[in-house]
């Protein structure tokens, strides 16, 4: 799974899809996840980095990451 190439991500959390003109904002963790998806980092590696950086257990982290990825798919930001 990977983020589409043309997706713009600002440090402040603004995300823009120029293909269809949609945008949304996310927090700093969302930005970190998006940047990792842009470099084709696996969800397992992303989960591991979140657990190391934040006070969260693996079950909660995996569920929240899955939810976030579903949102990205709804916004058409993920390539198949």
PDB file of N, CA and C in Angstrom:
ATOM      1  N   UNK A   1       0.839  -1.163   0.000  1.00  0.00           N
ATOM      2  CA  UNK A   1       0.000   0.000   0.000  1.00  0.00           C
ATOM      3  C   UNK A   1       0.888   1.232   0.000  1.00  0.00           C
ATOM      4  N   UNK A   2       0.462   2.228  -0.772  1.00  0.00           N
ATOM      5  CA  UNK A   2       1.286   3.420  -0.855  1.00  0.00           C
ATOM      6  C   UNK A   2       0.427   4.637  -1.165  1.00  0.00           C
ATOM      7  N   UNK A   3       0.890   5.767  -0.707  1.00  0.00           N
ATOM      8  CA  UNK A   3       0.232   7.038  -0.975  1.00  0.00           C
ATOM      9  C   UNK A   3       0.480   7.424  -2.427  1.00  0.00           C
ATOM     10  N   UNK A   4      -0.533   7.974  -3.085  1.00  0.00           N
ATOM     11  CA  UNK A   4      -0.355   8.417  -4.468  1.00  0.00           C
ATOM     12  C   UNK A   4       0.765   9.443  -4.551  1.00  0.00           C
ATOM     13  N   UNK A   5       1.493   9.438  -5.649  1.00  0.00           N
ATOM     14  CA  UNK A   5       2.669  10.296  -5.824  1.00  0.00           C
ATOM     15  C   UNK A   5       2.348  11.782  -5.808  1.00  0.00           C
ATOM     16  N   UNK A   6       1.229  12.173  -6.369  1.00  0.00           N
ATOM     17  CA  UNK A   6       0.941  13.594  -6.537  1.00  0.00           C
ATOM     18  C   UNK A   6       0.316  14.248  -5.302  1.00  0.00           C
ATOM     19  N   UNK A   7       0.175  13.530  -4.210  1.00  0.00           N
ATOM     20  CA  UNK A   7      -0.435  14.075  -2.998  1.00  0.00           C
ATOM     21  C   UNK A   7       0.537  15.035  -2.323  1.00  0.00           C
ATOM     22  N   UNK A   8       0.067  16.242  -2.042  1.00  0.00           N
ATOM     23  CA  UNK A   8       0.889  17.255  -1.376  1.00  0.00           C
ATOM     24  C   UNK A   8       0.580  17.238   0.121  1.00  0.00           C
ATOM     25  N   UNK A   9       1.635  17.252   0.933  1.00  0.00           N
ATOM     26  CA  UNK A   9       1.496  17.228   2.389  1.00  0.00           C
ATOM     27  C   UNK A   9       2.353  18.353   2.963  1.00  0.00           C
ATOM     28  N   UNK A  10       1.720  19.264   3.699  1.00  0.00           N
ATOM     29  CA  UNK A  10       2.500  20.326   4.330  1.00  0.00           C
ATOM     30  C   UNK A  10       2.862  19.900   5.754  1.00  0.00           C
ATOM     31  N   UNK A  11       3.872  20.543   6.320  1.00  0.00           N
ATOM     32  CA  UNK A  11       4.292  20.244   7.695  1.00  0.00           C
ATOM     33  C   UNK A  11       3.186  20.560   8.697  1.00  0.00           C
ATOM     34  N   UNK A  12       2.294  21.498   8.347  1.00  0.00           N
ATOM     35  CA  UNK A  12       1.210  21.878   9.257  1.00  0.00           C
ATOM     36  C   UNK A  12       0.028  20.911   9.200  1.00  0.00           C
ATOM     37  N   UNK A  13       0.067  19.932   8.277  1.00  0.00           N
ATOM     38  CA  UNK A  13      -0.972  18.915   8.214  1.00  0.00           C
ATOM     39  C   UNK A  13      -1.992  19.095   7.116  1.00  0.00           C
ATOM     40  N   UNK A  14      -1.777  20.049   6.209  1.00  0.00           N
ATOM     41  CA  UNK A  14      -2.675  20.239   5.081  1.00  0.00           C
ATOM     42  C   UNK A  14      -2.328  19.221   4.010  1.00  0.00           C
ATOM     43  N   UNK A  15      -3.332  18.468   3.568  1.00  0.00           N
ATOM     44  CA  UNK A  15      -3.138  17.412   2.561  1.00  0.00           C
ATOM     45  C   UNK A  15      -4.019  17.747   1.360  1.00  0.00           C
ATOM     46  N   UNK A  16      -3.430  17.726   0.171  1.00  0.00           N
ATOM     47  CA  UNK A  16      -4.153  18.111  -1.044  1.00  0.00           C
ATOM     48  C   UNK A  16      -3.968  17.060  -2.128  1.00  0.00           C
ATOM     49  N   UNK A  17      -5.081  16.680  -2.744  1.00  0.00           N
ATOM     50  CA  UNK A  17      -5.073  15.748  -3.864  1.00  0.00           C
ATOM     51  C   UNK A  17      -5.403  16.541  -5.127  1.00  0.00           C
ATOM     52  N   UNK A  18      -4.406  16.942  -5.914  1.00  0.00           N
ATOM     53  CA  UNK A  18      -4.662  17.764  -7.098  1.00  0.00           C
ATOM     54  C   UNK A  18      -5.431  17.029  -8.198  1.00  0.00           C
ATOM     55  N   UNK A  19      -5.416  15.717  -8.152  1.00  0.00           N
ATOM     56  CA  UNK A  19      -6.115  14.924  -9.164  1.00  0.00           C
ATOM     57  C   UNK A  19      -7.616  15.215  -9.162  1.00  0.00           C
ATOM     58  N   UNK A  20      -8.196  15.353  -7.964  1.00  0.00           N
ATOM     59  CA  UNK A  20      -9.635  15.607  -7.874  1.00  0.00           C
ATOM     60  C   UNK A  20      -9.967  16.880  -7.099  1.00  0.00           C
ATOM     61  N   UNK A  21      -8.934  17.587  -6.628  1.00  0.00           N
ATOM     62  CA  UNK A  21      -9.140  18.874  -5.973  1.00  0.00           C
ATOM     63  C   UNK A  21      -9.614  18.824  -4.533  1.00  0.00           C
ATOM     64  N   UNK A  22      -9.471  17.693  -3.881  1.00  0.00           N
ATOM     65  CA  UNK A  22      -9.907  17.598  -2.490  1.00  0.00           C
ATOM     66  C   UNK A  22      -8.746  17.871  -1.538  1.00  0.00           C
ATOM     67  N   UNK A  23      -9.097  18.305  -0.340  1.00  0.00           N
ATOM     68  CA  UNK A  23      -8.080  18.553   0.675  1.00  0.00           C
ATOM     69  C   UNK A  23      -8.658  18.246   2.053  1.00  0.00           C
ATOM     70  N   UNK A  24      -7.769  18.030   2.996  1.00  0.00           N
ATOM     71  CA  UNK A  24      -8.158  17.876   4.385  1.00  0.00           C
ATOM     72  C   UNK A  24      -6.947  18.166   5.249  1.00  0.00           C
ATOM     73  N   UNK A  25      -7.166  18.220   6.541  1.00  0.00           N
ATOM     74  CA  UNK A  25      -6.057  18.460   7.464  1.00  0.00           C
ATOM     75  C   UNK A  25      -5.935  17.284   8.422  1.00  0.00           C
ATOM     76  N   UNK A  26      -4.735  17.108   8.928  1.00  0.00           N
ATOM     77  CA  UNK A  26      -4.457  16.050   9.884  1.00  0.00           C
ATOM     78  C   UNK A  26      -3.467  16.581  10.920  1.00  0.00           C
ATOM     79  N   UNK A  27      -3.284  15.824  11.968  1.00  0.00           N
ATOM     80  CA  UNK A  27      -2.344  16.241  13.014  1.00  0.00           C
ATOM     81  C   UNK A  27      -0.931  15.758  12.677  1.00  0.00           C
ATOM     82  N   UNK A  28       0.003  16.023  13.587  1.00  0.00           N
ATOM     83  CA  UNK A  28       1.408  15.681  13.317  1.00  0.00           C
ATOM     84  C   UNK A  28       1.618  14.175  13.147  1.00  0.00           C
ATOM     85  N   UNK A  29       0.872  13.365  13.875  1.00  0.00           N
ATOM     86  CA  UNK A  29       0.985  11.917  13.697  1.00  0.00           C
ATOM     87  C   UNK A  29       0.481  11.517  12.314  1.00  0.00           C
ATOM     88  N   UNK A  30      -0.617  12.119  11.873  1.00  0.00           N
ATOM     89  CA  UNK A  30      -1.129  11.856  10.533  1.00  0.00           C
ATOM     90  C   UNK A  30      -0.115  12.216   9.462  1.00  0.00           C
ATOM     91  N   UNK A  31       0.566  13.344   9.637  1.00  0.00           N
ATOM     92  CA  UNK A  31       1.605  13.757   8.696  1.00  0.00           C
ATOM     93  C   UNK A  31       2.722  12.714   8.663  1.00  0.00           C
ATOM     94  N   UNK A  32       3.138  12.249   9.834  1.00  0.00           N
ATOM     95  CA  UNK A  32       4.208  11.240   9.900  1.00  0.00           C
ATOM     96  C   UNK A  32       3.791   9.953   9.188  1.00  0.00           C
ATOM     97  N   UNK A  33       2.544   9.533   9.388  1.00  0.00           N
ATOM     98  CA  UNK A  33       2.041   8.321   8.725  1.00  0.00           C
ATOM     99  C   UNK A  33       2.017   8.523   7.218  1.00  0.00           C
ATOM    100  N   UNK A  34       1.509   9.661   6.770  1.00  0.00           N
ATOM    101  CA  UNK A  34       1.437   9.943   5.335  1.00  0.00           C
ATOM    102  C   UNK A  34       2.818   9.932   4.693  1.00  0.00           C
ATOM    103  N   UNK A  35       3.784  10.531   5.360  1.00  0.00           N
ATOM    104  CA  UNK A  35       5.152  10.547   4.814  1.00  0.00           C
ATOM    105  C   UNK A  35       5.718   9.135   4.714  1.00  0.00           C
ATOM    106  N   UNK A  36       5.415   8.287   5.691  1.00  0.00           N
ATOM    107  CA  UNK A  36       5.901   6.907   5.636  1.00  0.00           C
ATOM    108  C   UNK A  36       5.206   6.132   4.521  1.00  0.00           C
ATOM    109  N   UNK A  37       3.908   6.374   4.334  1.00  0.00           N
ATOM    110  CA  UNK A  37       3.195   5.716   3.244  1.00  0.00           C
ATOM    111  C   UNK A  37       3.725   6.175   1.888  1.00  0.00           C
ATOM    112  N   UNK A  38       4.165   7.407   1.816  1.00  0.00           N
ATOM    113  CA  UNK A  38       4.706   7.922   0.559  1.00  0.00           C
ATOM    114  C   UNK A  38       5.992   7.193   0.173  1.00  0.00           C
ATOM    115  N   UNK A  39       6.731   6.709   1.156  1.00  0.00           N
ATOM    116  CA  UNK A  39       7.977   5.986   0.888  1.00  0.00           C
ATOM    117  C   UNK A  39       7.776   4.471   0.906  1.00  0.00           C
ATOM    118  N   UNK A  40       6.521   4.050   0.798  1.00  0.00           N
ATOM    119  CA  UNK A  40       6.161   2.631   0.735  1.00  0.00           C
ATOM    120  C   UNK A  40       6.514   1.854   2.004  1.00  0.00           C
ATOM    121  N   UNK A  41       6.533   2.522   3.139  1.00  0.00           N
ATOM    122  CA  UNK A  41       6.778   1.837   4.405  1.00  0.00           C
ATOM    123  C   UNK A  41       5.589   0.937   4.710  1.00  0.00           C
ATOM    124  N   UNK A  42       5.845  -0.266   5.183  1.00  0.00           N
ATOM    125  CA  UNK A  42       4.756  -1.202   5.472  1.00  0.00           C
ATOM    126  C   UNK A  42       3.971  -0.749   6.706  1.00  0.00           C
ATOM    127  N   UNK A  43       2.739  -1.221   6.810  1.00  0.00           N
ATOM    128  CA  UNK A  43       1.925  -0.865   7.977  1.00  0.00           C
ATOM    129  C   UNK A  43       2.538  -1.409   9.263  1.00  0.00           C
ATOM    130  N   UNK A  44       3.227  -2.535   9.172  1.00  0.00           N
ATOM    131  CA  UNK A  44       3.894  -3.092  10.352  1.00  0.00           C
ATOM    132  C   UNK A  44       5.007  -2.167  10.833  1.00  0.00           C
ATOM    133  N   UNK A  45       5.766  -1.627   9.884  1.00  0.00           N
ATOM    134  CA  UNK A  45       6.844  -0.693  10.235  1.00  0.00           C
ATOM    135  C   UNK A  45       6.278   0.613  10.784  1.00  0.00           C
ATOM    136  N   UNK A  46       5.185   1.074  10.209  1.00  0.00           N
ATOM    137  CA  UNK A  46       4.547   2.300  10.700  1.00  0.00           C
ATOM    138  C   UNK A  46       4.043   2.077  12.127  1.00  0.00           C
ATOM    139  N   UNK A  47       3.390   0.950  12.360  1.00  0.00           N
ATOM    140  CA  UNK A  47       2.895   0.629  13.707  1.00  0.00           C
ATOM    141  C   UNK A  47       4.046   0.609  14.702  1.00  0.00           C
ATOM    142  N   UNK A  48       5.128  -0.013  14.335  1.00  0.00           N
ATOM    143  CA  UNK A  48       6.296  -0.092  15.213  1.00  0.00           C
ATOM    144  C   UNK A  48       6.844   1.295  15.546  1.00  0.00           C
ATOM    145  N   UNK A  49       6.937   2.162  14.550  1.00  0.00           N
ATOM    146  CA  UNK A  49       7.471   3.510  14.802  1.00  0.00           C
ATOM    147  C   UNK A  49       6.530   4.335  15.676  1.00  0.00           C
ATOM    148  N   UNK A  50       5.231   4.149  15.517  1.00  0.00           N
ATOM    149  CA  UNK A  50       4.264   4.868  16.357  1.00  0.00           C
ATOM    150  C   UNK A  50       4.372   4.407  17.797  1.00  0.00           C
ATOM    151  N   UNK A  51       4.460   3.101  18.002  1.00  0.00           N
ATOM    152  CA  UNK A  51       4.555   2.547  19.360  1.00  0.00           C
ATOM    153  C   UNK A  51       5.815   3.049  20.057  1.00  0.00           C
ATOM    154  N   UNK A  52       6.907   3.168  19.314  1.00  0.00           N
ATOM    155  CA  UNK A  52       8.158   3.662  19.895  1.00  0.00           C
ATOM    156  C   UNK A  52       8.074   5.145  20.255  1.00  0.00           C
ATOM    157  N   UNK A  53       7.307   5.916  19.477  1.00  0.00           N
ATOM    158  CA  UNK A  53       7.268   7.368  19.661  1.00  0.00           C
ATOM    159  C   UNK A  53       6.140   7.859  20.566  1.00  0.00           C
ATOM    160  N   UNK A  54       5.096   7.064  20.714  1.00  0.00           N
ATOM    161  CA  UNK A  54       3.918   7.490  21.469  1.00  0.00           C
ATOM    162  C   UNK A  54       3.576   6.445  22.520  1.00  0.00           C
ATOM    163  N   UNK A  55       2.886   6.881  23.540  1.00  0.00           N
ATOM    164  CA  UNK A  55       2.464   5.986  24.621  1.00  0.00           C
ATOM    165  C   UNK A  55       1.162   5.303  24.220  1.00  0.00           C
ATOM    166  N   UNK A  56       1.274   4.231  23.424  1.00  0.00           N
ATOM    167  CA  UNK A  56       0.103   3.521  22.918  1.00  0.00           C
ATOM    168  C   UNK A  56       0.434   2.035  22.819  1.00  0.00           C
ATOM    169  N   UNK A  57      -0.570   1.208  23.093  1.00  0.00           N
ATOM    170  CA  UNK A  57      -0.357  -0.233  22.980  1.00  0.00           C
ATOM    171  C   UNK A  57      -0.561  -0.673  21.532  1.00  0.00           C
ATOM    172  N   UNK A  58      -0.057  -1.836  21.205  1.00  0.00           N
ATOM    173  CA  UNK A  58      -0.068  -2.301  19.812  1.00  0.00           C
ATOM    174  C   UNK A  58      -1.480  -2.515  19.266  1.00  0.00           C
ATOM    175  N   UNK A  59      -2.398  -3.004  20.065  1.00  0.00           N
ATOM    176  CA  UNK A  59      -3.765  -3.260  19.581  1.00  0.00           C
ATOM    177  C   UNK A  59      -4.449  -1.948  19.209  1.00  0.00           C
ATOM    178  N   UNK A  60      -4.350  -0.960  20.083  1.00  0.00           N
ATOM    179  CA  UNK A  60      -4.944   0.348  19.799  1.00  0.00           C
ATOM    180  C   UNK A  60      -4.289   0.984  18.583  1.00  0.00           C
ATOM    181  N   UNK A  61      -2.986   0.902  18.513  1.00  0.00           N
ATOM    182  CA  UNK A  61      -2.237   1.486  17.398  1.00  0.00           C
ATOM    183  C   UNK A  61      -2.661   0.857  16.076  1.00  0.00           C
ATOM    184  N   UNK A  62      -2.729  -0.452  16.022  1.00  0.00           N
ATOM    185  CA  UNK A  62      -3.108  -1.144  14.788  1.00  0.00           C
ATOM    186  C   UNK A  62      -4.515  -0.765  14.352  1.00  0.00           C
ATOM    187  N   UNK A  63      -5.448  -0.711  15.308  1.00  0.00           N
ATOM    188  CA  UNK A  63      -6.833  -0.350  14.996  1.00  0.00           C
ATOM    189  C   UNK A  63      -6.919   1.076  14.486  1.00  0.00           C
ATOM    190  N   UNK A  64      -6.257   2.002  15.178  1.00  0.00           N
ATOM    191  CA  UNK A  64      -6.292   3.404  14.767  1.00  0.00           C
ATOM    192  C   UNK A  64      -5.631   3.613  13.408  1.00  0.00           C
ATOM    193  N   UNK A  65      -4.547   2.909  13.149  1.00  0.00           N
ATOM    194  CA  UNK A  65      -3.883   3.007  11.848  1.00  0.00           C
ATOM    195  C   UNK A  65      -4.794   2.473  10.744  1.00  0.00           C
ATOM    196  N   UNK A  66      -5.454   1.363  10.983  1.00  0.00           N
ATOM    197  CA  UNK A  66      -6.404   0.815  10.004  1.00  0.00           C
ATOM    198  C   UNK A  66      -7.516   1.814   9.712  1.00  0.00           C
ATOM    199  N   UNK A  67      -8.038   2.459  10.769  1.00  0.00           N
ATOM    200  CA  UNK A  67      -9.092   3.464  10.595  1.00  0.00           C
ATOM    201  C   UNK A  67      -8.590   4.641   9.762  1.00  0.00           C
ATOM    202  N   UNK A  68      -7.372   5.102  10.046  1.00  0.00           N
ATOM    203  CA  UNK A  68      -6.796   6.223   9.311  1.00  0.00           C
ATOM    204  C   UNK A  68      -6.598   5.858   7.838  1.00  0.00           C
ATOM    205  N   UNK A  69      -6.138   4.657   7.577  1.00  0.00           N
ATOM    206  CA  UNK A  69      -5.928   4.214   6.195  1.00  0.00           C
ATOM    207  C   UNK A  69      -7.262   4.120   5.454  1.00  0.00           C
ATOM    208  N   UNK A  70      -8.309   3.681   6.137  1.00  0.00           N
ATOM    209  CA  UNK A  70      -9.642   3.650   5.506  1.00  0.00           C
ATOM    210  C   UNK A  70     -10.088   5.057   5.098  1.00  0.00           C
ATOM    211  N   UNK A  71      -9.797   6.037   5.947  1.00  0.00           N
ATOM    212  CA  UNK A  71     -10.136   7.423   5.630  1.00  0.00           C
ATOM    213  C   UNK A  71      -9.343   7.876   4.400  1.00  0.00           C
ATOM    214  N   UNK A  72      -8.061   7.525   4.356  1.00  0.00           N
ATOM    215  CA  UNK A  72      -7.239   7.878   3.194  1.00  0.00           C
ATOM    216  C   UNK A  72      -7.800   7.255   1.921  1.00  0.00           C
ATOM    217  N   UNK A  73      -8.279   6.034   2.021  1.00  0.00           N
ATOM    218  CA  UNK A  73      -8.877   5.369   0.867  1.00  0.00           C
ATOM    219  C   UNK A  73     -10.154   6.095   0.436  1.00  0.00           C
ATOM    220  N   UNK A  74     -10.955   6.559   1.402  1.00  0.00           N
ATOM    221  CA  UNK A  74     -12.176   7.299   1.078  1.00  0.00           C
ATOM    222  C   UNK A  74     -11.866   8.612   0.366  1.00  0.00           C
ATOM    223  N   UNK A  75     -10.745   9.235   0.720  1.00  0.00           N
ATOM    224  CA  UNK A  75     -10.311  10.464   0.075  1.00  0.00           C
ATOM    225  C   UNK A  75      -9.546  10.202  -1.209  1.00  0.00           C
ATOM    226  N   UNK A  76      -9.441   8.937  -1.601  1.00  0.00           N
ATOM    227  CA  UNK A  76      -8.768   8.535  -2.848  1.00  0.00           C
ATOM    228  C   UNK A  76      -7.287   8.933  -2.847  1.00  0.00           C
ATOM    229  N   UNK A  77      -6.613   8.694  -1.719  1.00  0.00           N
ATOM    230  CA  UNK A  77      -5.213   9.059  -1.589  1.00  0.00           C
ATOM    231  C   UNK A  77      -4.261   7.856  -1.660  1.00  0.00           C
ATOM    232  N   UNK A  78      -4.808   6.659  -1.693  1.00  0.00           N
ATOM    233  CA  UNK A  78      -4.009   5.438  -1.690  1.00  0.00           C
ATOM    234  C   UNK A  78      -4.051   4.781  -3.068  1.00  0.00           C
ATOM    235  N   UNK A  79      -2.885   4.344  -3.534  1.00  0.00           N
ATOM    236  CA  UNK A  79      -2.823   3.585  -4.782  1.00  0.00           C
ATOM    237  C   UNK A  79      -3.088   2.122  -4.497  1.00  0.00           C
ATOM    238  N   UNK A  80      -3.671   1.446  -5.462  1.00  0.00           N
ATOM    239  CA  UNK A  80      -3.930   0.003  -5.306  1.00  0.00           C
ATOM    240  C   UNK A  80      -2.693  -0.797  -5.533  1.00  0.00           C
TER     241      UNK A  80
END
